[in-house]
Amino acid sequence: MTAPTLPGTIPGLLRRGSPVVSTVTDDAWPHGESCVGIMPYKGQSGLVHNVSPIVPCCTVLFDDRPGGLVQMARAWVALDLSDPTGRAHAAWWYLRAKPDPPAEVDALAFFKATISADMTDAEIDRLRLACLYLAGPS
């Protein structure tokens, strides 16, 4: 099963320290999108160092990457929900967008997400679907 993720294009989702995976594909480079640094491979994990408030890009520190930092379009990264910090960032984003926990996720599971506690695959999937529903089409 592929690791559960949320698109980096959701406004306000990514923040400093967000665990992400690269979603870039070979055919995406170099077709007009910008990337400063050595291009990561698809599925490579990293941590967000900085998110631009002006343009849709972020700076990511990728694992095992010479030079480390890569500035790339947010469309090329996804929040990693298999990581407890990623789940916390998703839950915090949800609460900023809508103050009530989602009805699709039981209160205990949602609380576990906010404090980076362990969650079952089913709980993670419900959190992911609730965030995607709230974010709407992107």
C-alpha atoms as a PDB file:
ATOM      1  CA  MET A   1       0.000   0.000   0.000  1.00  0.00           C
ATOM      2  CA  THR A   2       1.234   3.502  -0.824  1.00  0.00           C
ATOM      3  CA  ALA A   3       1.929   5.755   2.140  1.00  0.00           C
ATOM      4  CA  PRO A   4      -1.059   8.024   2.885  1.00  0.00           C
ATOM      5  CA  THR A   5      -0.457  11.622   1.841  1.00  0.00           C
ATOM      6  CA  LEU A   6      -2.166  14.954   1.361  1.00  0.00           C
ATOM      7  CA  PRO A   7      -1.295  17.237  -1.582  1.00  0.00           C
ATOM      8  CA  GLY A   8       1.162  20.030  -0.872  1.00  0.00           C
ATOM      9  CA  THR A   9      -1.076  22.332  -2.928  1.00  0.00           C
ATOM     10  CA  ILE A  10      -3.645  22.610  -0.110  1.00  0.00           C
ATOM     11  CA  PRO A  11      -3.232  26.226   1.067  1.00  0.00           C
ATOM     12  CA  GLY A  12      -1.795  26.489   4.577  1.00  0.00           C
ATOM     13  CA  LEU A  13      -1.223  22.741   5.021  1.00  0.00           C
ATOM     14  CA  LEU A  14       2.570  22.669   4.899  1.00  0.00           C
ATOM     15  CA  ARG A  15       4.603  24.348   7.622  1.00  0.00           C
ATOM     16  CA  ARG A  16       8.189  24.303   8.832  1.00  0.00           C
ATOM     17  CA  GLY A  17       9.051  20.763   9.885  1.00  0.00           C
ATOM     18  CA  SER A  18       6.285  19.069   7.884  1.00  0.00           C
ATOM     19  CA  PRO A  19       7.380  15.595   6.750  1.00  0.00           C
ATOM     20  CA  VAL A  20       6.864  15.324   3.005  1.00  0.00           C
ATOM     21  CA  VAL A  21       7.501  12.953   0.128  1.00  0.00           C
ATOM     22  CA  SER A  22       8.415  14.021  -3.378  1.00  0.00           C
ATOM     23  CA  THR A  23       5.706  13.425  -5.967  1.00  0.00           C
ATOM     24  CA  VAL A  24       7.780  14.689  -8.894  1.00  0.00           C
ATOM     25  CA  THR A  25       7.936  12.482 -11.957  1.00  0.00           C
ATOM     26  CA  ASP A  26      10.568  12.366 -14.674  1.00  0.00           C
ATOM     27  CA  ASP A  27       8.172  13.861 -17.222  1.00  0.00           C
ATOM     28  CA  ALA A  28       7.488  16.881 -14.962  1.00  0.00           C
ATOM     29  CA  TRP A  29      11.054  18.124 -15.251  1.00  0.00           C
ATOM     30  CA  PRO A  30      11.911  20.563 -16.902  1.00  0.00           C
ATOM     31  CA  HIS A  31       8.506  21.570 -18.341  1.00  0.00           C
ATOM     32  CA  GLY A  32       8.200  25.119 -17.049  1.00  0.00           C
ATOM     33  CA  GLU A  33       8.081  24.271 -13.352  1.00  0.00           C
ATOM     34  CA  SER A  34      10.961  25.556 -11.267  1.00  0.00           C
ATOM     35  CA  CYS A  35      13.245  23.649  -8.978  1.00  0.00           C
ATOM     36  CA  VAL A  36      16.390  25.090  -7.422  1.00  0.00           C
ATOM     37  CA  GLY A  37      18.807  22.381  -6.319  1.00  0.00           C
ATOM     38  CA  ILE A  38      19.289  18.752  -7.269  1.00  0.00           C
ATOM     39  CA  MET A  39      15.973  17.234  -8.290  1.00  0.00           C
ATOM     40  CA  PRO A  40      14.695  14.663  -5.773  1.00  0.00           C
ATOM     41  CA  TYR A  41      13.384  11.321  -6.962  1.00  0.00           C
ATOM     42  CA  LYS A  42       9.726  10.342  -6.628  1.00  0.00           C
ATOM     43  CA  GLY A  43       8.953   9.035  -3.148  1.00  0.00           C
ATOM     44  CA  GLN A  44      12.020  10.583  -1.513  1.00  0.00           C
ATOM     45  CA  SER A  45      11.230  11.824   1.993  1.00  0.00           C
ATOM     46  CA  GLY A  46      12.232  15.118   3.510  1.00  0.00           C
ATOM     47  CA  LEU A  47      11.265  17.933   5.873  1.00  0.00           C
ATOM     48  CA  VAL A  48       9.896  21.327   4.898  1.00  0.00           C
ATOM     49  CA  HIS A  49      12.375  24.046   5.790  1.00  0.00           C
ATOM     50  CA  ASN A  50      10.370  27.019   4.552  1.00  0.00           C
ATOM     51  CA  VAL A  51       7.040  27.701   2.811  1.00  0.00           C
ATOM     52  CA  SER A  52       6.736  30.792   0.635  1.00  0.00           C
ATOM     53  CA  PRO A  53       3.720  32.954   1.503  1.00  0.00           C
ATOM     54  CA  ILE A  54       3.877  34.584  -1.941  1.00  0.00           C
ATOM     55  CA  VAL A  55       4.590  31.919  -4.557  1.00  0.00           C
ATOM     56  CA  PRO A  56       3.448  28.272  -4.515  1.00  0.00           C
ATOM     57  CA  CYS A  57       6.807  26.778  -3.593  1.00  0.00           C
ATOM     58  CA  CYS A  58       8.620  25.481  -0.545  1.00  0.00           C
ATOM     59  CA  THR A  59      12.165  24.683   0.470  1.00  0.00           C
ATOM     60  CA  VAL A  60      12.655  21.060   1.479  1.00  0.00           C
ATOM     61  CA  LEU A  61      15.566  19.300   3.150  1.00  0.00           C
ATOM     62  CA  PHE A  62      15.597  15.881   1.507  1.00  0.00           C
ATOM     63  CA  ASP A  63      17.219  12.805   3.046  1.00  0.00           C
ATOM     64  CA  ASP A  64      20.437  11.629   1.377  1.00  0.00           C
ATOM     65  CA  ARG A  65      20.574  14.591  -0.996  1.00  0.00           C
ATOM     66  CA  PRO A  66      23.885  16.378  -1.674  1.00  0.00           C
ATOM     67  CA  GLY A  67      23.505  19.987  -0.633  1.00  0.00           C
ATOM     68  CA  GLY A  68      20.280  19.045   1.112  1.00  0.00           C
ATOM     69  CA  LEU A  69      17.945  21.961   0.466  1.00  0.00           C
ATOM     70  CA  VAL A  70      15.784  22.013  -2.658  1.00  0.00           C
ATOM     71  CA  GLN A  71      13.332  24.767  -3.552  1.00  0.00           C
ATOM     72  CA  MET A  72      10.447  23.341  -5.522  1.00  0.00           C
ATOM     73  CA  ALA A  73       6.790  23.777  -6.399  1.00  0.00           C
ATOM     74  CA  ARG A  74       4.376  22.650  -3.666  1.00  0.00           C
ATOM     75  CA  ALA A  75       2.650  20.578  -6.354  1.00  0.00           C
ATOM     76  CA  TRP A  76       5.726  18.323  -6.271  1.00  0.00           C
ATOM     77  CA  VAL A  77       5.465  17.403  -2.583  1.00  0.00           C
ATOM     78  CA  ALA A  78       2.827  15.737  -0.413  1.00  0.00           C
ATOM     79  CA  LEU A  79       2.400  15.743   3.371  1.00  0.00           C
ATOM     80  CA  ASP A  80       3.367  12.312   4.706  1.00  0.00           C
ATOM     81  CA  LEU A  81       0.573  10.997   6.945  1.00  0.00           C
ATOM     82  CA  SER A  82       2.494   7.834   7.793  1.00  0.00           C
ATOM     83  CA  ASP A  83       4.605  10.131  10.010  1.00  0.00           C
ATOM     84  CA  PRO A  84       3.027  11.234  13.336  1.00  0.00           C
ATOM     85  CA  THR A  85       4.169  14.836  12.776  1.00  0.00           C
ATOM     86  CA  GLY A  86       2.470  14.854   9.386  1.00  0.00           C
ATOM     87  CA  ARG A  87      -0.775  13.706  10.984  1.00  0.00           C
ATOM     88  CA  ALA A  88      -0.479  16.446  13.618  1.00  0.00           C
ATOM     89  CA  HIS A  89       0.086  19.088  10.938  1.00  0.00           C
ATOM     90  CA  ALA A  90      -2.981  17.807   9.046  1.00  0.00           C
ATOM     91  CA  ALA A  91      -5.134  17.913  12.194  1.00  0.00           C
ATOM     92  CA  TRP A  92      -3.910  21.412  13.113  1.00  0.00           C
ATOM     93  CA  TRP A  93      -4.643  22.593   9.560  1.00  0.00           C
ATOM     94  CA  TYR A  94      -8.142  21.114   9.817  1.00  0.00           C
ATOM     95  CA  LEU A  95      -8.812  22.905  13.129  1.00  0.00           C
ATOM     96  CA  ARG A  96      -7.598  26.227  11.696  1.00  0.00           C
ATOM     97  CA  ALA A  97      -9.957  25.816   8.745  1.00  0.00           C
ATOM     98  CA  LYS A  98     -12.899  24.494  10.774  1.00  0.00           C
ATOM     99  CA  PRO A  99     -12.878  24.656  14.597  1.00  0.00           C
ATOM    100  CA  ASP A 100     -14.890  21.446  15.096  1.00  0.00           C
ATOM    101  CA  PRO A 101     -13.270  18.013  14.659  1.00  0.00           C
ATOM    102  CA  PRO A 102     -14.527  16.130  11.609  1.00  0.00           C
ATOM    103  CA  ALA A 103     -17.555  13.893  12.146  1.00  0.00           C
ATOM    104  CA  GLU A 104     -15.888  11.227   9.958  1.00  0.00           C
ATOM    105  CA  VAL A 105     -13.087  10.781  12.506  1.00  0.00           C
ATOM    106  CA  ASP A 106     -13.930   9.773  16.069  1.00  0.00           C
ATOM    107  CA  ALA A 107     -12.874  12.281  18.710  1.00  0.00           C
ATOM    108  CA  LEU A 108     -10.193  10.047  20.256  1.00  0.00           C
ATOM    109  CA  ALA A 109      -8.549   9.355  16.880  1.00  0.00           C
ATOM    110  CA  PHE A 110      -8.575  13.057  16.023  1.00  0.00           C
ATOM    111  CA  PHE A 111      -7.064  13.895  19.422  1.00  0.00           C
ATOM    112  CA  LYS A 112      -4.356  11.274  18.809  1.00  0.00           C
ATOM    113  CA  ALA A 113      -3.542  13.003  15.521  1.00  0.00           C
ATOM    114  CA  THR A 114      -3.177  16.412  17.185  1.00  0.00           C
ATOM    115  CA  ILE A 115      -0.590  15.074  19.650  1.00  0.00           C
ATOM    116  CA  SER A 116       1.330  12.875  17.181  1.00  0.00           C
ATOM    117  CA  ALA A 117       0.210   9.649  18.848  1.00  0.00           C
ATOM    118  CA  ASP A 118       0.010   6.277  17.093  1.00  0.00           C
ATOM    119  CA  MET A 119      -3.046   5.734  14.908  1.00  0.00           C
ATOM    120  CA  THR A 120      -4.429   2.744  13.035  1.00  0.00           C
ATOM    121  CA  ASP A 121      -4.392   2.714   9.228  1.00  0.00           C
ATOM    122  CA  ALA A 122      -8.172   3.121   9.229  1.00  0.00           C
ATOM    123  CA  GLU A 123      -7.967   6.197  11.498  1.00  0.00           C
ATOM    124  CA  ILE A 124      -5.275   7.735   9.290  1.00  0.00           C
ATOM    125  CA  ASP A 125      -7.372   7.120   6.189  1.00  0.00           C
ATOM    126  CA  ARG A 126     -10.432   8.766   7.762  1.00  0.00           C
ATOM    127  CA  LEU A 127      -8.316  11.793   8.771  1.00  0.00           C
ATOM    128  CA  ARG A 128      -6.938  12.014   5.211  1.00  0.00           C
ATOM    129  CA  LEU A 129     -10.406  11.827   3.643  1.00  0.00           C
ATOM    130  CA  ALA A 130     -11.804  14.452   6.062  1.00  0.00           C
ATOM    131  CA  CYS A 131      -8.953  16.840   5.151  1.00  0.00           C
ATOM    132  CA  LEU A 132      -9.408  16.233   1.422  1.00  0.00           C
ATOM    133  CA  TYR A 133     -13.159  16.855   1.740  1.00  0.00           C
ATOM    134  CA  LEU A 134     -12.597  20.117   3.636  1.00  0.00           C
ATOM    135  CA  ALA A 135      -9.897  21.281   1.196  1.00  0.00           C
ATOM    136  CA  GLY A 136     -12.205  20.715  -1.763  1.00  0.00           C
ATOM    137  CA  PRO A 137     -10.979  20.344  -5.335  1.00  0.00           C
ATOM    138  CA  SER A 138      -7.461  21.583  -5.878  1.00  0.00           C
END
